[in-house]
Amino acid sequence: MKDPIIRIRNVHFQRGDKVVLDDVSMDIGRGGIVAIMGPSGVGKTTILRLISGQLQPSKGSIEVNGKQVSKLSRRKLYECRKDIGVLLQNGALFTDLTVFENVATPLREHTDLGEEEISERVTAKLDSVGLAGTEELMPHSLSGGMARRVALARAVILNPKIVLFDEPMTGLDPIAMSTVGRLIRETNDSLGLTSVIVTHNVSQMKKLVDYCFILASAKLIAEGSPQELMRNSDPAVDQFMNGRVEGPISFKYREDAGNATASPGR
């Protein structure tokens, strides 16, 4: 892989006695859509937070666009984050702000643009996700799919190099799911983004992403294109990709973990 925009090297992360990530390494190339997949509770969202500098690894390094985020000062980390857009689960729109003000918020916080240019940019981004004319609506009046598209417009309003998506399809009906998936693909390609998607939705990812990483039991167990992973004969990979109940990945409660998470079968 030439010139990865994100390099994760031998990362170890734990909360208390629970090991969340154990010696995980990934190279994420520029310009594509990459999925980080695996059962619930295996550290997928933790990786997004490490990439954005919200968390720091116990060991190892995370390099984003040539900068080791865990070593940046607060000011430089703030600058680095301008190149990273984030779309959280369920969109996380500000409920007391209009659609326009939700999308405009990053521009007001991170730029010195005048109101006329802010208006032009917000209007253009809303149009690009098929929501022209919704500027004055409040979030409570939006459908789930519309809210997710507003969140996508907000995530890319600063024209970032990277966009991090945390379960972008959760709670959407099949039509909205396909619409948001198509918009992620079109937005990624038209803006030259690198998109990193955390998900456990195998069927959607087979249609959308270029490359996948699969985590289980705190380890990276496989990587490759969706087609390669569907043909992978490793029992844990086969179990996850094909949704099999029986296999090496157990979903029983573990007292030592403190909650119900994926764990190796015995």
C-alpha atoms as a PDB file:
ATOM      1  CA  MET A   1       0.000   0.000   0.000  1.00  0.00           C
ATOM      2  CA  LYS A   2       1.405   3.369  -1.028  1.00  0.00           C
ATOM      3  CA  ASP A   3       1.440   6.271   1.387  1.00  0.00           C
ATOM      4  CA  PRO A   4      -1.153   5.259   4.013  1.00  0.00           C
ATOM      5  CA  ILE A   5      -2.924   8.294   5.459  1.00  0.00           C
ATOM      6  CA  ILE A   6      -3.393   6.459   8.778  1.00  0.00           C
ATOM      7  CA  ARG A   7      -0.769   4.134  10.284  1.00  0.00           C
ATOM      8  CA  ILE A   8      -1.636   2.204  13.425  1.00  0.00           C
ATOM      9  CA  ARG A   9       1.347   0.351  14.854  1.00  0.00           C
ATOM     10  CA  ASN A  10       1.327  -2.285  17.627  1.00  0.00           C
ATOM     11  CA  VAL A  11      -1.388  -0.469  19.563  1.00  0.00           C
ATOM     12  CA  HIS A  12      -2.364  -1.713  22.999  1.00  0.00           C
ATOM     13  CA  PHE A  13      -5.245  -0.133  24.895  1.00  0.00           C
ATOM     14  CA  GLN A  14      -6.977  -1.185  28.073  1.00  0.00           C
ATOM     15  CA  ARG A  15      -9.519   0.092  30.591  1.00  0.00           C
ATOM     16  CA  GLY A  16      -8.668  -1.069  34.069  1.00  0.00           C
ATOM     17  CA  ASP A  17      -7.923  -4.773  33.827  1.00  0.00           C
ATOM     18  CA  LYS A  18      -9.784  -5.219  30.559  1.00  0.00           C
ATOM     19  CA  VAL A  19      -7.623  -5.349  27.413  1.00  0.00           C
ATOM     20  CA  VAL A  20      -9.572  -3.670  24.598  1.00  0.00           C
ATOM     21  CA  LEU A  21      -6.890  -3.747  21.869  1.00  0.00           C
ATOM     22  CA  ASP A  22      -3.864  -6.025  21.940  1.00  0.00           C
ATOM     23  CA  ASP A  23      -0.975  -5.335  19.519  1.00  0.00           C
ATOM     24  CA  VAL A  24      -3.210  -4.069  16.698  1.00  0.00           C
ATOM     25  CA  SER A  25      -1.597  -2.698  13.511  1.00  0.00           C
ATOM     26  CA  MET A  26      -3.369  -1.270  10.441  1.00  0.00           C
ATOM     27  CA  ASP A  27      -2.463   0.751   7.350  1.00  0.00           C
ATOM     28  CA  ILE A  28      -5.350   2.761   5.906  1.00  0.00           C
ATOM     29  CA  GLY A  29      -4.713   4.020   2.390  1.00  0.00           C
ATOM     30  CA  ARG A  30      -5.718   7.373   0.974  1.00  0.00           C
ATOM     31  CA  GLY A  31      -8.852   7.861  -1.035  1.00  0.00           C
ATOM     32  CA  GLY A  32     -10.826   4.725  -0.237  1.00  0.00           C
ATOM     33  CA  ILE A  33     -13.563   3.567   2.099  1.00  0.00           C
ATOM     34  CA  VAL A  34     -12.339   1.249   4.831  1.00  0.00           C
ATOM     35  CA  ALA A  35     -14.453  -0.685   7.334  1.00  0.00           C
ATOM     36  CA  ILE A  36     -13.407  -1.699  10.824  1.00  0.00           C
ATOM     37  CA  MET A  37     -15.666  -4.612  11.646  1.00  0.00           C
ATOM     38  CA  GLY A  38     -16.248  -7.122  14.390  1.00  0.00           C
ATOM     39  CA  PRO A  39     -18.722  -8.134  17.100  1.00  0.00           C
ATOM     40  CA  SER A  40     -19.990  -5.584  19.606  1.00  0.00           C
ATOM     41  CA  GLY A  41     -17.548  -4.571  22.318  1.00  0.00           C
ATOM     42  CA  VAL A  42     -14.277  -5.454  20.589  1.00  0.00           C
ATOM     43  CA  GLY A  43     -12.795  -1.950  20.358  1.00  0.00           C
ATOM     44  CA  LYS A  44     -13.966  -0.660  16.983  1.00  0.00           C
ATOM     45  CA  THR A  45     -15.105   2.739  18.269  1.00  0.00           C
ATOM     46  CA  THR A  46     -11.993   2.889  20.466  1.00  0.00           C
ATOM     47  CA  ILE A  47      -9.906   2.879  17.278  1.00  0.00           C
ATOM     48  CA  LEU A  48     -11.814   5.907  15.956  1.00  0.00           C
ATOM     49  CA  ARG A  49     -11.181   7.738  19.219  1.00  0.00           C
ATOM     50  CA  LEU A  50      -7.488   6.883  19.063  1.00  0.00           C
ATOM     51  CA  ILE A  51      -7.297   8.187  15.480  1.00  0.00           C
ATOM     52  CA  SER A  52      -8.928  11.496  16.495  1.00  0.00           C
ATOM     53  CA  GLY A  53      -6.740  11.832  19.591  1.00  0.00           C
ATOM     54  CA  GLN A  54      -9.608  11.546  22.084  1.00  0.00           C
ATOM     55  CA  LEU A  55      -7.825   8.549  23.606  1.00  0.00           C
ATOM     56  CA  GLN A  56      -4.157   7.621  23.820  1.00  0.00           C
ATOM     57  CA  PRO A  57      -2.775   4.090  23.495  1.00  0.00           C
ATOM     58  CA  SER A  58      -1.053   2.329  26.388  1.00  0.00           C
ATOM     59  CA  LYS A  59       1.554   1.202  23.861  1.00  0.00           C
ATOM     60  CA  GLY A  60       2.160   1.701  20.159  1.00  0.00           C
ATOM     61  CA  SER A  61       1.543   4.671  17.881  1.00  0.00           C
ATOM     62  CA  ILE A  62      -1.153   6.229  15.691  1.00  0.00           C
ATOM     63  CA  GLU A  63       0.026   8.377  12.807  1.00  0.00           C
ATOM     64  CA  VAL A  64      -2.518  10.486  10.923  1.00  0.00           C
ATOM     65  CA  ASN A  65      -1.432  12.291   7.769  1.00  0.00           C
ATOM     66  CA  GLY A  66       2.196  12.082   8.855  1.00  0.00           C
ATOM     67  CA  LYS A  67       1.635  13.212  12.467  1.00  0.00           C
ATOM     68  CA  GLN A  68       1.704  11.035  15.586  1.00  0.00           C
ATOM     69  CA  VAL A  69      -1.494  12.187  17.247  1.00  0.00           C
ATOM     70  CA  SER A  70      -0.585  10.919  20.724  1.00  0.00           C
ATOM     71  CA  LYS A  71       2.471  13.197  20.758  1.00  0.00           C
ATOM     72  CA  LEU A  72       0.792  16.400  19.573  1.00  0.00           C
ATOM     73  CA  SER A  73       0.299  19.388  21.844  1.00  0.00           C
ATOM     74  CA  ARG A  74      -3.282  20.441  22.483  1.00  0.00           C
ATOM     75  CA  ARG A  75      -2.996  23.266  19.943  1.00  0.00           C
ATOM     76  CA  LYS A  76      -1.525  21.029  17.228  1.00  0.00           C
ATOM     77  CA  LEU A  77      -4.072  18.297  17.938  1.00  0.00           C
ATOM     78  CA  TYR A  78      -6.825  20.897  17.517  1.00  0.00           C
ATOM     79  CA  GLU A  79      -5.332  21.837  14.127  1.00  0.00           C
ATOM     80  CA  CYS A  80      -5.010  18.173  13.142  1.00  0.00           C
ATOM     81  CA  ARG A  81      -8.678  17.567  13.918  1.00  0.00           C
ATOM     82  CA  LYS A  82      -9.714  20.143  11.320  1.00  0.00           C
ATOM     83  CA  ASP A  83      -8.725  17.519   8.736  1.00  0.00           C
ATOM     84  CA  ILE A  84     -10.946  14.903  10.386  1.00  0.00           C
ATOM     85  CA  GLY A  85     -14.722  14.895  10.057  1.00  0.00           C
ATOM     86  CA  VAL A  86     -16.808  12.707  12.353  1.00  0.00           C
ATOM     87  CA  LEU A  87     -20.282  11.250  11.965  1.00  0.00           C
ATOM     88  CA  LEU A  88     -21.433   9.743  15.268  1.00  0.00           C
ATOM     89  CA  GLN A  89     -24.074   7.093  15.867  1.00  0.00           C
ATOM     90  CA  ASN A  90     -27.578   8.442  15.141  1.00  0.00           C
ATOM     91  CA  GLY A  91     -26.086  11.646  13.718  1.00  0.00           C
ATOM     92  CA  ALA A  92     -25.869  13.446  17.100  1.00  0.00           C
ATOM     93  CA  LEU A  93     -27.430  16.662  15.798  1.00  0.00           C
ATOM     94  CA  PHE A  94     -27.895  19.592  18.172  1.00  0.00           C
ATOM     95  CA  THR A  95     -31.597  19.343  18.971  1.00  0.00           C
ATOM     96  CA  ASP A  96     -32.113  23.061  19.649  1.00  0.00           C
ATOM     97  CA  LEU A  97     -30.460  24.233  16.413  1.00  0.00           C
ATOM     98  CA  THR A  98     -31.928  24.317  12.914  1.00  0.00           C
ATOM     99  CA  VAL A  99     -30.530  22.156  10.132  1.00  0.00           C
ATOM    100  CA  PHE A 100     -28.658  25.214   8.819  1.00  0.00           C
ATOM    101  CA  GLU A 101     -27.075  26.005  12.182  1.00  0.00           C
ATOM    102  CA  ASN A 102     -26.123  22.355  12.763  1.00  0.00           C
ATOM    103  CA  VAL A 103     -24.182  22.251   9.510  1.00  0.00           C
ATOM    104  CA  ALA A 104     -22.747  25.743  10.023  1.00  0.00           C
ATOM    105  CA  THR A 105     -21.413  25.008  13.530  1.00  0.00           C
ATOM    106  CA  PRO A 106     -17.958  23.722  12.445  1.00  0.00           C
ATOM    107  CA  LEU A 107     -17.506  26.760  10.191  1.00  0.00           C
ATOM    108  CA  ARG A 108     -18.336  29.129  13.040  1.00  0.00           C
ATOM    109  CA  GLU A 109     -16.004  27.312  15.439  1.00  0.00           C
ATOM    110  CA  HIS A 110     -13.015  26.743  13.171  1.00  0.00           C
ATOM    111  CA  THR A 111     -13.029  29.556  10.574  1.00  0.00           C
ATOM    112  CA  ASP A 112     -13.365  33.324  10.298  1.00  0.00           C
ATOM    113  CA  LEU A 113     -15.729  33.189   7.343  1.00  0.00           C
ATOM    114  CA  GLY A 114     -18.408  35.850   6.956  1.00  0.00           C
ATOM    115  CA  GLU A 115     -22.101  35.030   7.082  1.00  0.00           C
ATOM    116  CA  GLU A 116     -22.525  35.198   3.304  1.00  0.00           C
ATOM    117  CA  GLU A 117     -19.841  32.584   2.635  1.00  0.00           C
ATOM    118  CA  ILE A 118     -21.068  30.392   5.499  1.00  0.00           C
ATOM    119  CA  SER A 119     -24.538  30.505   3.973  1.00  0.00           C
ATOM    120  CA  GLU A 120     -23.205  29.579   0.521  1.00  0.00           C
ATOM    121  CA  ARG A 121     -21.188  26.635   1.870  1.00  0.00           C
ATOM    122  CA  VAL A 122     -23.985  25.263   4.027  1.00  0.00           C
ATOM    123  CA  THR A 123     -26.511  25.544   1.205  1.00  0.00           C
ATOM    124  CA  ALA A 124     -24.137  23.777  -1.202  1.00  0.00           C
ATOM    125  CA  LYS A 125     -23.431  20.934   1.233  1.00  0.00           C
ATOM    126  CA  LEU A 126     -27.114  20.394   1.989  1.00  0.00           C
ATOM    127  CA  ASP A 127     -27.835  20.328  -1.736  1.00  0.00           C
ATOM    128  CA  SER A 128     -25.087  17.724  -2.226  1.00  0.00           C
ATOM    129  CA  VAL A 129     -26.859  15.347   0.184  1.00  0.00           C
ATOM    130  CA  GLY A 130     -30.282  15.965  -1.357  1.00  0.00           C
ATOM    131  CA  LEU A 131     -31.617  18.265   1.372  1.00  0.00           C
ATOM    132  CA  ALA A 132     -31.849  21.665  -0.289  1.00  0.00           C
ATOM    133  CA  GLY A 133     -34.667  23.662   1.279  1.00  0.00           C
ATOM    134  CA  THR A 134     -34.431  22.052   4.718  1.00  0.00           C
ATOM    135  CA  GLU A 135     -32.303  24.806   6.272  1.00  0.00           C
ATOM    136  CA  GLU A 136     -34.937  26.034   8.737  1.00  0.00           C
ATOM    137  CA  LEU A 137     -36.201  22.627   9.864  1.00  0.00           C
ATOM    138  CA  MET A 138     -35.501  21.395  13.387  1.00  0.00           C
ATOM    139  CA  PRO A 139     -33.945  17.944  13.987  1.00  0.00           C
ATOM    140  CA  HIS A 140     -37.112  16.563  15.608  1.00  0.00           C
ATOM    141  CA  SER A 141     -38.966  17.013  12.304  1.00  0.00           C
ATOM    142  CA  LEU A 142     -36.469  14.933  10.311  1.00  0.00           C
ATOM    143  CA  SER A 143     -36.671  11.238   9.533  1.00  0.00           C
ATOM    144  CA  GLY A 144     -33.753   9.053  10.621  1.00  0.00           C
ATOM    145  CA  GLY A 145     -32.304   9.004   7.113  1.00  0.00           C
ATOM    146  CA  MET A 146     -32.617  12.774   6.727  1.00  0.00           C
ATOM    147  CA  ALA A 147     -30.936  13.375  10.084  1.00  0.00           C
ATOM    148  CA  ARG A 148     -28.052  11.129   9.054  1.00  0.00           C
ATOM    149  CA  ARG A 149     -27.657  13.078   5.797  1.00  0.00           C
ATOM    150  CA  VAL A 150     -27.585  16.385   7.705  1.00  0.00           C
ATOM    151  CA  ALA A 151     -24.892  14.874   9.931  1.00  0.00           C
ATOM    152  CA  LEU A 152     -22.929  13.859   6.822  1.00  0.00           C
ATOM    153  CA  ALA A 153     -23.134  17.413   5.467  1.00  0.00           C
ATOM    154  CA  ARG A 154     -21.844  18.715   8.807  1.00  0.00           C
ATOM    155  CA  ALA A 155     -19.023  16.136   8.876  1.00  0.00           C
ATOM    156  CA  VAL A 156     -17.661  17.290   5.508  1.00  0.00           C
ATOM    157  CA  ILE A 157     -18.385  21.049   5.714  1.00  0.00           C
ATOM    158  CA  LEU A 158     -14.708  21.839   6.481  1.00  0.00           C
ATOM    159  CA  ASN A 159     -13.562  19.707   3.516  1.00  0.00           C
ATOM    160  CA  PRO A 160     -11.577  17.282   5.702  1.00  0.00           C
ATOM    161  CA  LYS A 161      -9.129  14.692   4.396  1.00  0.00           C
ATOM    162  CA  ILE A 162     -10.575  11.940   6.595  1.00  0.00           C
ATOM    163  CA  VAL A 163     -14.105  11.191   7.772  1.00  0.00           C
ATOM    164  CA  LEU A 164     -14.770   8.770  10.643  1.00  0.00           C
ATOM    165  CA  PHE A 165     -18.181   7.082  10.693  1.00  0.00           C
ATOM    166  CA  ASP A 166     -19.399   5.299  13.835  1.00  0.00           C
ATOM    167  CA  GLU A 167     -22.185   2.854  12.879  1.00  0.00           C
ATOM    168  CA  PRO A 168     -23.714   5.184  10.242  1.00  0.00           C
ATOM    169  CA  MET A 169     -26.442   2.676   9.275  1.00  0.00           C
ATOM    170  CA  THR A 170     -27.773   1.936  12.776  1.00  0.00           C
ATOM    171  CA  GLY A 171     -31.550   2.306  13.112  1.00  0.00           C
ATOM    172  CA  LEU A 172     -32.225   3.097   9.449  1.00  0.00           C
ATOM    173  CA  ASP A 173     -34.824   1.380   7.288  1.00  0.00           C
ATOM    174  CA  PRO A 174     -33.502  -0.441   4.177  1.00  0.00           C
ATOM    175  CA  ILE A 175     -34.206   2.461   1.804  1.00  0.00           C
ATOM    176  CA  ALA A 176     -32.569   5.047   4.076  1.00  0.00           C
ATOM    177  CA  MET A 177     -29.668   2.671   4.625  1.00  0.00           C
ATOM    178  CA  SER A 178     -29.058   2.352   0.888  1.00  0.00           C
ATOM    179  CA  THR A 179     -29.441   6.118   0.419  1.00  0.00           C
ATOM    180  CA  VAL A 180     -26.901   6.955   3.119  1.00  0.00           C
ATOM    181  CA  GLY A 181     -24.521   4.286   1.806  1.00  0.00           C
ATOM    182  CA  ARG A 182     -24.694   5.732  -1.709  1.00  0.00           C
ATOM    183  CA  LEU A 183     -24.112   9.250  -0.385  1.00  0.00           C
ATOM    184  CA  ILE A 184     -21.073   8.111   1.613  1.00  0.00           C
ATOM    185  CA  ARG A 185     -19.627   6.570  -1.556  1.00  0.00           C
ATOM    186  CA  GLU A 186     -20.407   9.580  -3.748  1.00  0.00           C
ATOM    187  CA  THR A 187     -19.155  12.082  -1.168  1.00  0.00           C
ATOM    188  CA  ASN A 188     -15.968  10.117  -0.582  1.00  0.00           C
ATOM    189  CA  ASP A 189     -15.169   9.903  -4.285  1.00  0.00           C
ATOM    190  CA  SER A 190     -16.182  13.434  -5.266  1.00  0.00           C
ATOM    191  CA  LEU A 191     -14.212  15.084  -2.441  1.00  0.00           C
ATOM    192  CA  GLY A 192     -11.252  12.687  -2.519  1.00  0.00           C
ATOM    193  CA  LEU A 193     -11.798  11.668   1.103  1.00  0.00           C
ATOM    194  CA  THR A 194     -10.572   8.712   3.097  1.00  0.00           C
ATOM    195  CA  SER A 195     -13.560   7.253   4.943  1.00  0.00           C
ATOM    196  CA  VAL A 196     -13.234   4.924   7.934  1.00  0.00           C
ATOM    197  CA  ILE A 197     -16.458   3.183   8.917  1.00  0.00           C
ATOM    198  CA  VAL A 198     -17.015   1.253  12.142  1.00  0.00           C
ATOM    199  CA  THR A 199     -19.772  -1.298  11.714  1.00  0.00           C
ATOM    200  CA  HIS A 200     -20.929  -4.867  12.166  1.00  0.00           C
ATOM    201  CA  ASN A 201     -23.315  -4.698   9.186  1.00  0.00           C
ATOM    202  CA  VAL A 202     -21.715  -7.197   6.810  1.00  0.00           C
ATOM    203  CA  SER A 203     -24.299  -6.980   4.007  1.00  0.00           C
ATOM    204  CA  GLN A 204     -24.009  -3.188   3.652  1.00  0.00           C
ATOM    205  CA  MET A 205     -20.229  -3.222   3.814  1.00  0.00           C
ATOM    206  CA  LYS A 206     -19.982  -5.784   1.025  1.00  0.00           C
ATOM    207  CA  LYS A 207     -21.663  -3.202  -1.217  1.00  0.00           C
ATOM    208  CA  LEU A 208     -19.885  -0.078   0.022  1.00  0.00           C
ATOM    209  CA  VAL A 209     -16.299  -0.488   1.174  1.00  0.00           C
ATOM    210  CA  ASP A 210     -13.007  -1.138  -0.570  1.00  0.00           C
ATOM    211  CA  TYR A 211     -11.141  -2.810   2.290  1.00  0.00           C
ATOM    212  CA  CYS A 212     -12.013  -4.279   5.694  1.00  0.00           C
ATOM    213  CA  PHE A 213     -10.313  -5.025   8.997  1.00  0.00           C
ATOM    214  CA  ILE A 214     -11.940  -7.526  11.367  1.00  0.00           C
ATOM    215  CA  LEU A 215     -11.372  -7.430  15.120  1.00  0.00           C
ATOM    216  CA  ALA A 216     -12.224 -10.150  17.622  1.00  0.00           C
ATOM    217  CA  SER A 217     -11.034 -10.792  21.170  1.00  0.00           C
ATOM    218  CA  ALA A 218      -8.933  -7.574  21.158  1.00  0.00           C
ATOM    219  CA  LYS A 219      -6.934  -8.748  18.129  1.00  0.00           C
ATOM    220  CA  LEU A 220      -6.928  -7.977  14.414  1.00  0.00           C
ATOM    221  CA  ILE A 221      -7.866 -11.388  13.004  1.00  0.00           C
ATOM    222  CA  ALA A 222      -8.154 -10.613   9.284  1.00  0.00           C
ATOM    223  CA  GLU A 223      -8.038  -7.921   6.615  1.00  0.00           C
ATOM    224  CA  GLY A 224      -8.769  -7.692   2.913  1.00  0.00           C
ATOM    225  CA  SER A 225     -11.470  -6.753   0.435  1.00  0.00           C
ATOM    226  CA  PRO A 226     -15.040  -7.826   1.313  1.00  0.00           C
ATOM    227  CA  GLN A 227     -14.839 -10.481  -1.391  1.00  0.00           C
ATOM    228  CA  GLU A 228     -11.579 -11.874   0.010  1.00  0.00           C
ATOM    229  CA  LEU A 229     -12.993 -12.005   3.531  1.00  0.00           C
ATOM    230  CA  MET A 230     -16.125 -13.832   2.366  1.00  0.00           C
ATOM    231  CA  ARG A 231     -13.813 -16.539   1.017  1.00  0.00           C
ATOM    232  CA  ASN A 232     -11.603 -16.581   4.125  1.00  0.00           C
ATOM    233  CA  SER A 233     -11.559 -20.058   5.696  1.00  0.00           C
ATOM    234  CA  ASP A 234     -10.446 -18.957   9.170  1.00  0.00           C
ATOM    235  CA  PRO A 235     -13.221 -20.198  11.530  1.00  0.00           C
ATOM    236  CA  ALA A 236     -13.593 -16.850  13.370  1.00  0.00           C
ATOM    237  CA  VAL A 237     -13.704 -14.844  10.123  1.00  0.00           C
ATOM    238  CA  ASP A 238     -16.184 -17.274   8.560  1.00  0.00           C
ATOM    239  CA  GLN A 239     -18.358 -17.130  11.689  1.00  0.00           C
ATOM    240  CA  PHE A 240     -18.529 -13.333  11.670  1.00  0.00           C
ATOM    241  CA  MET A 241     -18.907 -12.769   7.929  1.00  0.00           C
ATOM    242  CA  ASN A 242     -21.650 -15.390   7.647  1.00  0.00           C
ATOM    243  CA  GLY A 243     -23.374 -14.728  10.977  1.00  0.00           C
ATOM    244  CA  ARG A 244     -22.931 -18.230  12.358  1.00  0.00           C
ATOM    245  CA  VAL A 245     -23.944 -18.883  15.966  1.00  0.00           C
ATOM    246  CA  GLU A 246     -21.388 -21.642  16.482  1.00  0.00           C
ATOM    247  CA  GLY A 247     -17.694 -20.846  16.239  1.00  0.00           C
ATOM    248  CA  PRO A 248     -14.660 -19.589  18.139  1.00  0.00           C
ATOM    249  CA  ILE A 249     -16.231 -16.192  18.925  1.00  0.00           C
ATOM    250  CA  SER A 250     -18.423 -16.517  22.024  1.00  0.00           C
ATOM    251  CA  PHE A 251     -21.027 -13.975  23.111  1.00  0.00           C
ATOM    252  CA  LYS A 252     -21.368 -15.121  26.719  1.00  0.00           C
ATOM    253  CA  TYR A 253     -21.068 -12.757  29.659  1.00  0.00           C
ATOM    254  CA  ARG A 254     -17.548 -12.563  31.076  1.00  0.00           C
ATOM    255  CA  GLU A 255     -17.162 -11.530  34.695  1.00  0.00           C
ATOM    256  CA  ASP A 256     -13.584 -10.395  34.165  1.00  0.00           C
ATOM    257  CA  ALA A 257     -14.630  -8.030  31.354  1.00  0.00           C
ATOM    258  CA  GLY A 258     -17.387  -6.463  33.416  1.00  0.00           C
ATOM    259  CA  ASN A 259     -19.884  -6.579  30.579  1.00  0.00           C
ATOM    260  CA  ALA A 260     -21.147  -8.764  27.755  1.00  0.00           C
ATOM    261  CA  THR A 261     -18.579  -8.674  24.979  1.00  0.00           C
ATOM    262  CA  ALA A 262     -17.206 -10.994  22.337  1.00  0.00           C
ATOM    263  CA  SER A 263     -14.676 -13.433  23.714  1.00  0.00           C
ATOM    264  CA  PRO A 264     -12.801 -16.472  22.406  1.00  0.00           C
ATOM    265  CA  GLY A 265     -14.739 -19.689  22.535  1.00  0.00           C
ATOM    266  CA  ARG A 266     -13.350 -22.499  24.678  1.00  0.00           C
END
